[in-house]
Amino acid sequence: MADTYRNFDDLRKHEGRFFQNSYKIVAKDRKSKITCIAIHGGNIEPGTSELAEELAGNEFNLYKFEGLKEKNNSVLHITSSNFDEPKADKLVKNAQKVISIHGAKGDEPITYIGGLDEKLNEKVKNELEKAGFKVGIPRAGIDGKTTNNIVNRGLTKAGCQLEITRAQRALFFENKSLKSPRTKRSEILYKYVECLRNALLLLFFYYYLLHS
């Protein structure tokens, strides 16, 4: 399905002035080399905001664009290659590593790993599989391989894009539901976050080992 708005300025003109509760932007610059983003957060792709927030913790940079509508939040979806909200662009372009959290369709808990950062992608894959999470290869269109995708606009021009099925995201909450408001976050979410953090720490460890 084609996006309703071609870029953020187009969305802002229609949703920002008269519908102040349509969306919310959260941008936290913690001067980290790592930036975690959820550009389809809130009720656009439920569960992605929460994961990005937990992954960022108090150390990594965090960006969330969250849909707040009671219904039809899909109109707020701007595809990654066209997403150009200024605060997001600023956080991403100054980062060495970017992880972009997305929601995919699917009744089976799977994470599809894309983006151009092959080293980080491999480590994320290994850590998730080691912890018992199922990983798959994304189809064209959600593979994050285009150079203008926001996940690939960092300093290295390569990021990691996670497309997480609805079934997997539902398990991130104790009531196993993505309906709003979402309940207490589950131990599965924290286990998943630990996998991503382990992958990032391993990558930086090897980098500094090689360059020391």
C-alpha atoms as a PDB file:
ATOM      1  CA  MET A   1       0.000   0.000   0.000  1.00  0.00           C
ATOM      2  CA  ALA A   2       1.342   3.438  -0.939  1.00  0.00           C
ATOM      3  CA  ASP A   3       1.999   5.987   1.804  1.00  0.00           C
ATOM      4  CA  THR A   4      -0.534   8.756   2.336  1.00  0.00           C
ATOM      5  CA  TYR A   5       2.234  11.360   2.692  1.00  0.00           C
ATOM      6  CA  ARG A   6       5.358  11.534   0.564  1.00  0.00           C
ATOM      7  CA  ASN A   7       7.644  12.927   3.315  1.00  0.00           C
ATOM      8  CA  PHE A   8       7.541  14.488   6.766  1.00  0.00           C
ATOM      9  CA  ASP A   9       6.813  18.018   5.582  1.00  0.00           C
ATOM     10  CA  ASP A  10       3.788  16.735   3.698  1.00  0.00           C
ATOM     11  CA  LEU A  11       2.593  14.871   6.799  1.00  0.00           C
ATOM     12  CA  ARG A  12       3.184  17.864   9.068  1.00  0.00           C
ATOM     13  CA  LYS A  13       1.129  20.155   6.863  1.00  0.00           C
ATOM     14  CA  HIS A  14      -1.869  17.834   7.066  1.00  0.00           C
ATOM     15  CA  GLU A  15      -1.517  16.344  10.540  1.00  0.00           C
ATOM     16  CA  GLY A  16       0.524  18.800  12.572  1.00  0.00           C
ATOM     17  CA  ARG A  17      -1.374  22.065  12.673  1.00  0.00           C
ATOM     18  CA  PHE A  18      -4.973  21.043  13.222  1.00  0.00           C
ATOM     19  CA  PHE A  19      -4.499  17.595  14.706  1.00  0.00           C
ATOM     20  CA  GLN A  20      -1.930  18.140  17.430  1.00  0.00           C
ATOM     21  CA  ASN A  21      -2.630  14.751  18.972  1.00  0.00           C
ATOM     22  CA  SER A  22      -1.989  12.810  15.767  1.00  0.00           C
ATOM     23  CA  TYR A  23       1.640  12.060  16.520  1.00  0.00           C
ATOM     24  CA  LYS A  24       4.502  12.654  18.923  1.00  0.00           C
ATOM     25  CA  ILE A  25       8.239  12.962  18.348  1.00  0.00           C
ATOM     26  CA  VAL A  26      10.813  11.944  20.955  1.00  0.00           C
ATOM     27  CA  ALA A  27      14.480  12.702  20.214  1.00  0.00           C
ATOM     28  CA  LYS A  28      17.165  12.175  22.859  1.00  0.00           C
ATOM     29  CA  ASP A  29      20.739  13.027  21.900  1.00  0.00           C
ATOM     30  CA  ARG A  30      22.986  11.389  24.477  1.00  0.00           C
ATOM     31  CA  LYS A  31      26.152  11.998  22.432  1.00  0.00           C
ATOM     32  CA  SER A  32      26.426   8.271  21.830  1.00  0.00           C
ATOM     33  CA  LYS A  33      27.952   6.554  18.822  1.00  0.00           C
ATOM     34  CA  ILE A  34      24.817   4.386  18.673  1.00  0.00           C
ATOM     35  CA  THR A  35      21.342   5.597  17.675  1.00  0.00           C
ATOM     36  CA  CYS A  36      18.146   3.552  18.068  1.00  0.00           C
ATOM     37  CA  ILE A  37      15.135   4.639  16.032  1.00  0.00           C
ATOM     38  CA  ALA A  38      11.467   3.680  15.701  1.00  0.00           C
ATOM     39  CA  ILE A  39      10.084   5.835  12.899  1.00  0.00           C
ATOM     40  CA  HIS A  40       6.777   3.918  12.842  1.00  0.00           C
ATOM     41  CA  GLY A  41       6.265   3.870  16.592  1.00  0.00           C
ATOM     42  CA  GLY A  42       3.256   4.269  18.824  1.00  0.00           C
ATOM     43  CA  ASN A  43       0.168   2.821  17.160  1.00  0.00           C
ATOM     44  CA  ILE A  44       1.627   2.759  13.659  1.00  0.00           C
ATOM     45  CA  GLU A  45       3.653  -0.421  14.230  1.00  0.00           C
ATOM     46  CA  PRO A  46       2.888  -1.252  17.883  1.00  0.00           C
ATOM     47  CA  GLY A  47       5.711  -2.477  20.064  1.00  0.00           C
ATOM     48  CA  THR A  48       8.495  -0.824  18.091  1.00  0.00           C
ATOM     49  CA  SER A  49       8.658   2.269  20.324  1.00  0.00           C
ATOM     50  CA  GLU A  50       8.930   0.188  23.454  1.00  0.00           C
ATOM     51  CA  LEU A  51      11.730  -1.933  22.039  1.00  0.00           C
ATOM     52  CA  ALA A  52      13.704   1.088  20.819  1.00  0.00           C
ATOM     53  CA  GLU A  53      13.263   2.768  24.193  1.00  0.00           C
ATOM     54  CA  GLU A  54      14.504  -0.251  26.136  1.00  0.00           C
ATOM     55  CA  LEU A  55      17.408  -0.780  23.748  1.00  0.00           C
ATOM     56  CA  ALA A  56      18.543   2.819  24.025  1.00  0.00           C
ATOM     57  CA  GLY A  57      18.281   2.789  27.808  1.00  0.00           C
ATOM     58  CA  ASN A  58      20.092   5.797  29.261  1.00  0.00           C
ATOM     59  CA  GLU A  59      23.194   5.349  27.102  1.00  0.00           C
ATOM     60  CA  PHE A  60      22.274   5.336  23.410  1.00  0.00           C
ATOM     61  CA  ASN A  61      20.592   8.042  21.353  1.00  0.00           C
ATOM     62  CA  LEU A  62      16.848   7.505  20.928  1.00  0.00           C
ATOM     63  CA  TYR A  63      14.372   8.635  18.289  1.00  0.00           C
ATOM     64  CA  LYS A  64      10.662   7.772  18.176  1.00  0.00           C
ATOM     65  CA  PHE A  65       7.964   8.973  15.802  1.00  0.00           C
ATOM     66  CA  GLU A  66       4.759   7.760  17.414  1.00  0.00           C
ATOM     67  CA  GLY A  67       1.242   7.574  16.022  1.00  0.00           C
ATOM     68  CA  LEU A  68      -1.353   8.658  18.594  1.00  0.00           C
ATOM     69  CA  LYS A  69      -4.584   8.397  16.622  1.00  0.00           C
ATOM     70  CA  GLU A  70      -7.453   6.326  17.992  1.00  0.00           C
ATOM     71  CA  LYS A  71      -7.601   4.584  14.618  1.00  0.00           C
ATOM     72  CA  ASN A  72      -6.102   4.689  11.110  1.00  0.00           C
ATOM     73  CA  ASN A  73      -2.545   5.306  12.330  1.00  0.00           C
ATOM     74  CA  SER A  74      -1.293   3.720   9.116  1.00  0.00           C
ATOM     75  CA  VAL A  75      -1.772   7.098   7.376  1.00  0.00           C
ATOM     76  CA  LEU A  76       1.196   8.331   9.447  1.00  0.00           C
ATOM     77  CA  HIS A  77       3.501   5.728   7.913  1.00  0.00           C
ATOM     78  CA  ILE A  78       6.307   7.252   5.836  1.00  0.00           C
ATOM     79  CA  THR A  79       8.546   4.675   4.205  1.00  0.00           C
ATOM     80  CA  SER A  80      12.131   4.606   5.471  1.00  0.00           C
ATOM     81  CA  SER A  81      13.664   5.947   2.267  1.00  0.00           C
ATOM     82  CA  ASN A  82      11.429   9.038   2.431  1.00  0.00           C
ATOM     83  CA  PHE A  83      11.513   9.617   6.191  1.00  0.00           C
ATOM     84  CA  ASP A  84      13.232  12.973   6.617  1.00  0.00           C
ATOM     85  CA  GLU A  85      12.013  14.429   9.907  1.00  0.00           C
ATOM     86  CA  PRO A  86      14.861  16.840  10.889  1.00  0.00           C
ATOM     87  CA  LYS A  87      15.477  15.555  14.430  1.00  0.00           C
ATOM     88  CA  ALA A  88      15.744  11.995  13.162  1.00  0.00           C
ATOM     89  CA  ASP A  89      18.123  13.001  10.380  1.00  0.00           C
ATOM     90  CA  LYS A  90      20.371  14.843  12.836  1.00  0.00           C
ATOM     91  CA  LEU A  91      20.626  11.936  15.282  1.00  0.00           C
ATOM     92  CA  VAL A  92      21.263   9.388  12.546  1.00  0.00           C
ATOM     93  CA  LYS A  93      23.838  11.297  10.515  1.00  0.00           C
ATOM     94  CA  ASN A  94      26.138  11.677  13.539  1.00  0.00           C
ATOM     95  CA  ALA A  95      25.962   8.001  14.586  1.00  0.00           C
ATOM     96  CA  GLN A  96      28.485   5.250  13.925  1.00  0.00           C
ATOM     97  CA  LYS A  97      25.848   2.552  14.379  1.00  0.00           C
ATOM     98  CA  VAL A  98      22.116   2.825  13.700  1.00  0.00           C
ATOM     99  CA  ILE A  99      19.467   0.250  14.567  1.00  0.00           C
ATOM    100  CA  SER A 100      16.007   0.832  13.117  1.00  0.00           C
ATOM    101  CA  ILE A 101      13.083  -1.058  14.675  1.00  0.00           C
ATOM    102  CA  HIS A 102      10.093  -1.896  12.458  1.00  0.00           C
ATOM    103  CA  GLY A 103       6.976  -4.022  12.593  1.00  0.00           C
ATOM    104  CA  ALA A 104       6.175  -6.657   9.969  1.00  0.00           C
ATOM    105  CA  LYS A 105       3.113  -8.813   9.384  1.00  0.00           C
ATOM    106  CA  GLY A 106       3.176 -12.404  10.521  1.00  0.00           C
ATOM    107  CA  ASP A 107       1.503 -14.917  12.828  1.00  0.00           C
ATOM    108  CA  GLU A 108       4.813 -16.595  13.666  1.00  0.00           C
ATOM    109  CA  PRO A 109       7.427 -14.937  15.926  1.00  0.00           C
ATOM    110  CA  ILE A 110      10.236 -14.031  13.513  1.00  0.00           C
ATOM    111  CA  THR A 111      12.746 -11.202  13.142  1.00  0.00           C
ATOM    112  CA  TYR A 112      13.865 -10.294   9.629  1.00  0.00           C
ATOM    113  CA  ILE A 113      17.281  -8.627   9.649  1.00  0.00           C
ATOM    114  CA  GLY A 114      18.166  -6.144   6.909  1.00  0.00           C
ATOM    115  CA  GLY A 115      20.159  -2.999   6.304  1.00  0.00           C
ATOM    116  CA  LEU A 116      23.650  -2.570   4.876  1.00  0.00           C
ATOM    117  CA  ASP A 117      25.687  -3.175   8.051  1.00  0.00           C
ATOM    118  CA  GLU A 118      26.587  -6.791   7.361  1.00  0.00           C
ATOM    119  CA  LYS A 119      28.868  -7.194  10.386  1.00  0.00           C
ATOM    120  CA  LEU A 120      26.293  -5.912  12.851  1.00  0.00           C
ATOM    121  CA  ASN A 121      23.529  -7.886  11.133  1.00  0.00           C
ATOM    122  CA  GLU A 122      25.503 -11.106  11.506  1.00  0.00           C
ATOM    123  CA  LYS A 123      26.156 -10.505  15.185  1.00  0.00           C
ATOM    124  CA  VAL A 124      22.502  -9.628  15.834  1.00  0.00           C
ATOM    125  CA  LYS A 125      21.460 -12.810  14.022  1.00  0.00           C
ATOM    126  CA  ASN A 126      23.859 -14.945  16.063  1.00  0.00           C
ATOM    127  CA  GLU A 127      22.810 -13.444  19.391  1.00  0.00           C
ATOM    128  CA  LEU A 128      19.076 -13.756  18.687  1.00  0.00           C
ATOM    129  CA  GLU A 129      19.349 -17.341  17.487  1.00  0.00           C
ATOM    130  CA  LYS A 130      21.546 -18.277  20.451  1.00  0.00           C
ATOM    131  CA  ALA A 131      18.788 -16.995  22.753  1.00  0.00           C
ATOM    132  CA  GLY A 132      16.119 -19.014  20.943  1.00  0.00           C
ATOM    133  CA  PHE A 133      14.590 -16.299  18.747  1.00  0.00           C
ATOM    134  CA  LYS A 134      13.768 -17.189  15.143  1.00  0.00           C
ATOM    135  CA  VAL A 135      15.469 -15.120  12.454  1.00  0.00           C
ATOM    136  CA  GLY A 136      14.601 -14.872   8.766  1.00  0.00           C
ATOM    137  CA  ILE A 137      15.746 -13.205   5.551  1.00  0.00           C
ATOM    138  CA  PRO A 138      13.611 -10.179   4.655  1.00  0.00           C
ATOM    139  CA  ARG A 139      11.870  -9.966   1.315  1.00  0.00           C
ATOM    140  CA  ALA A 140      12.600  -7.139  -1.101  1.00  0.00           C
ATOM    141  CA  GLY A 141      10.916  -3.963   0.057  1.00  0.00           C
ATOM    142  CA  ILE A 142      11.623  -4.502   3.747  1.00  0.00           C
ATOM    143  CA  ASP A 143      15.274  -5.509   3.459  1.00  0.00           C
ATOM    144  CA  GLY A 144      16.678  -2.029   4.181  1.00  0.00           C
ATOM    145  CA  LYS A 145      19.139  -2.225   1.293  1.00  0.00           C
ATOM    146  CA  THR A 146      18.560   1.165  -0.329  1.00  0.00           C
ATOM    147  CA  THR A 147      21.228   3.753   0.395  1.00  0.00           C
ATOM    148  CA  ASN A 148      18.642   6.477   1.065  1.00  0.00           C
ATOM    149  CA  ASN A 149      16.918   4.385   3.770  1.00  0.00           C
ATOM    150  CA  ILE A 150      17.280   6.357   7.005  1.00  0.00           C
ATOM    151  CA  VAL A 151      19.021   3.407   8.676  1.00  0.00           C
ATOM    152  CA  ASN A 152      21.851   3.750   6.143  1.00  0.00           C
ATOM    153  CA  ARG A 153      22.374   7.499   6.526  1.00  0.00           C
ATOM    154  CA  GLY A 154      24.794   7.348   9.454  1.00  0.00           C
ATOM    155  CA  LEU A 155      28.528   7.994   9.359  1.00  0.00           C
ATOM    156  CA  THR A 156      29.271   4.538   7.955  1.00  0.00           C
ATOM    157  CA  LYS A 157      26.369   4.642   5.467  1.00  0.00           C
ATOM    158  CA  ALA A 158      25.257   1.252   6.754  1.00  0.00           C
ATOM    159  CA  GLY A 159      22.788   0.321   9.483  1.00  0.00           C
ATOM    160  CA  CYS A 160      20.783  -2.589  10.869  1.00  0.00           C
ATOM    161  CA  GLN A 161      17.037  -2.740  10.182  1.00  0.00           C
ATOM    162  CA  LEU A 162      14.897  -5.157  12.173  1.00  0.00           C
ATOM    163  CA  GLU A 163      11.481  -6.133  10.809  1.00  0.00           C
ATOM    164  CA  ILE A 164       9.733  -7.901  13.673  1.00  0.00           C
ATOM    165  CA  THR A 165       6.520  -9.818  13.071  1.00  0.00           C
ATOM    166  CA  ARG A 166       3.340  -8.929  14.892  1.00  0.00           C
ATOM    167  CA  ALA A 167       3.433 -12.277  16.698  1.00  0.00           C
ATOM    168  CA  GLN A 168       6.920 -11.601  18.050  1.00  0.00           C
ATOM    169  CA  ARG A 169       6.065  -8.054  19.109  1.00  0.00           C
ATOM    170  CA  ALA A 170       2.978  -9.264  20.972  1.00  0.00           C
ATOM    171  CA  LEU A 171       5.253 -11.438  23.113  1.00  0.00           C
ATOM    172  CA  PHE A 172       7.047  -8.306  24.297  1.00  0.00           C
ATOM    173  CA  PHE A 173       4.072  -7.629  26.574  1.00  0.00           C
ATOM    174  CA  GLU A 174       2.768  -9.715  29.450  1.00  0.00           C
ATOM    175  CA  ASN A 175      -0.772  -9.875  28.081  1.00  0.00           C
ATOM    176  CA  LYS A 176       0.587 -10.809  24.628  1.00  0.00           C
ATOM    177  CA  SER A 177      -1.422  -8.052  22.981  1.00  0.00           C
ATOM    178  CA  LEU A 178      -0.469  -5.024  20.893  1.00  0.00           C
ATOM    179  CA  LYS A 179      -3.706  -3.193  21.581  1.00  0.00           C
ATOM    180  CA  SER A 180      -3.349   0.274  23.113  1.00  0.00           C
ATOM    181  CA  PRO A 181      -2.678   0.904  25.915  1.00  0.00           C
ATOM    182  CA  ARG A 182      -0.075  -1.858  26.034  1.00  0.00           C
ATOM    183  CA  THR A 183       0.485  -3.523  29.377  1.00  0.00           C
ATOM    184  CA  LYS A 184       3.623  -4.298  31.325  1.00  0.00           C
ATOM    185  CA  ARG A 185       6.642  -5.257  29.240  1.00  0.00           C
ATOM    186  CA  SER A 186       7.582  -8.920  29.413  1.00  0.00           C
ATOM    187  CA  GLU A 187      10.820 -10.712  30.209  1.00  0.00           C
ATOM    188  CA  ILE A 188      10.931 -11.717  26.544  1.00  0.00           C
ATOM    189  CA  LEU A 189      11.375  -8.055  25.596  1.00  0.00           C
ATOM    190  CA  TYR A 190      14.269  -7.650  28.020  1.00  0.00           C
ATOM    191  CA  LYS A 191      15.850 -10.864  26.761  1.00  0.00           C
ATOM    192  CA  TYR A 192      15.561  -9.569  23.188  1.00  0.00           C
ATOM    193  CA  VAL A 193      17.136  -6.251  24.157  1.00  0.00           C
ATOM    194  CA  GLU A 194      20.010  -8.082  25.828  1.00  0.00           C
ATOM    195  CA  CYS A 195      20.713  -9.879  22.544  1.00  0.00           C
ATOM    196  CA  LEU A 196      20.893  -6.602  20.615  1.00  0.00           C
ATOM    197  CA  ARG A 197      23.102  -4.975  23.232  1.00  0.00           C
ATOM    198  CA  ASN A 198      25.430  -7.974  23.248  1.00  0.00           C
ATOM    199  CA  ALA A 199      25.788  -7.717  19.471  1.00  0.00           C
ATOM    200  CA  LEU A 200      26.629  -4.026  19.675  1.00  0.00           C
ATOM    201  CA  LEU A 201      29.138  -4.496  22.492  1.00  0.00           C
ATOM    202  CA  LEU A 202      30.857  -7.345  20.651  1.00  0.00           C
ATOM    203  CA  LEU A 203      31.190  -5.212  17.554  1.00  0.00           C
ATOM    204  CA  PHE A 204      32.720  -2.287  19.424  1.00  0.00           C
ATOM    205  CA  PHE A 205      35.021  -4.625  21.362  1.00  0.00           C
ATOM    206  CA  TYR A 206      36.435  -6.094  18.146  1.00  0.00           C
ATOM    207  CA  TYR A 207      36.731  -2.644  16.591  1.00  0.00           C
ATOM    208  CA  TYR A 208      38.774  -1.195  19.435  1.00  0.00           C
ATOM    209  CA  LEU A 209      40.836  -4.378  19.715  1.00  0.00           C
ATOM    210  CA  LEU A 210      41.835  -4.086  16.050  1.00  0.00           C
ATOM    211  CA  HIS A 211      42.537  -0.347  16.261  1.00  0.00           C
ATOM    212  CA  SER A 212      44.316  -0.208  19.600  1.00  0.00           C
END
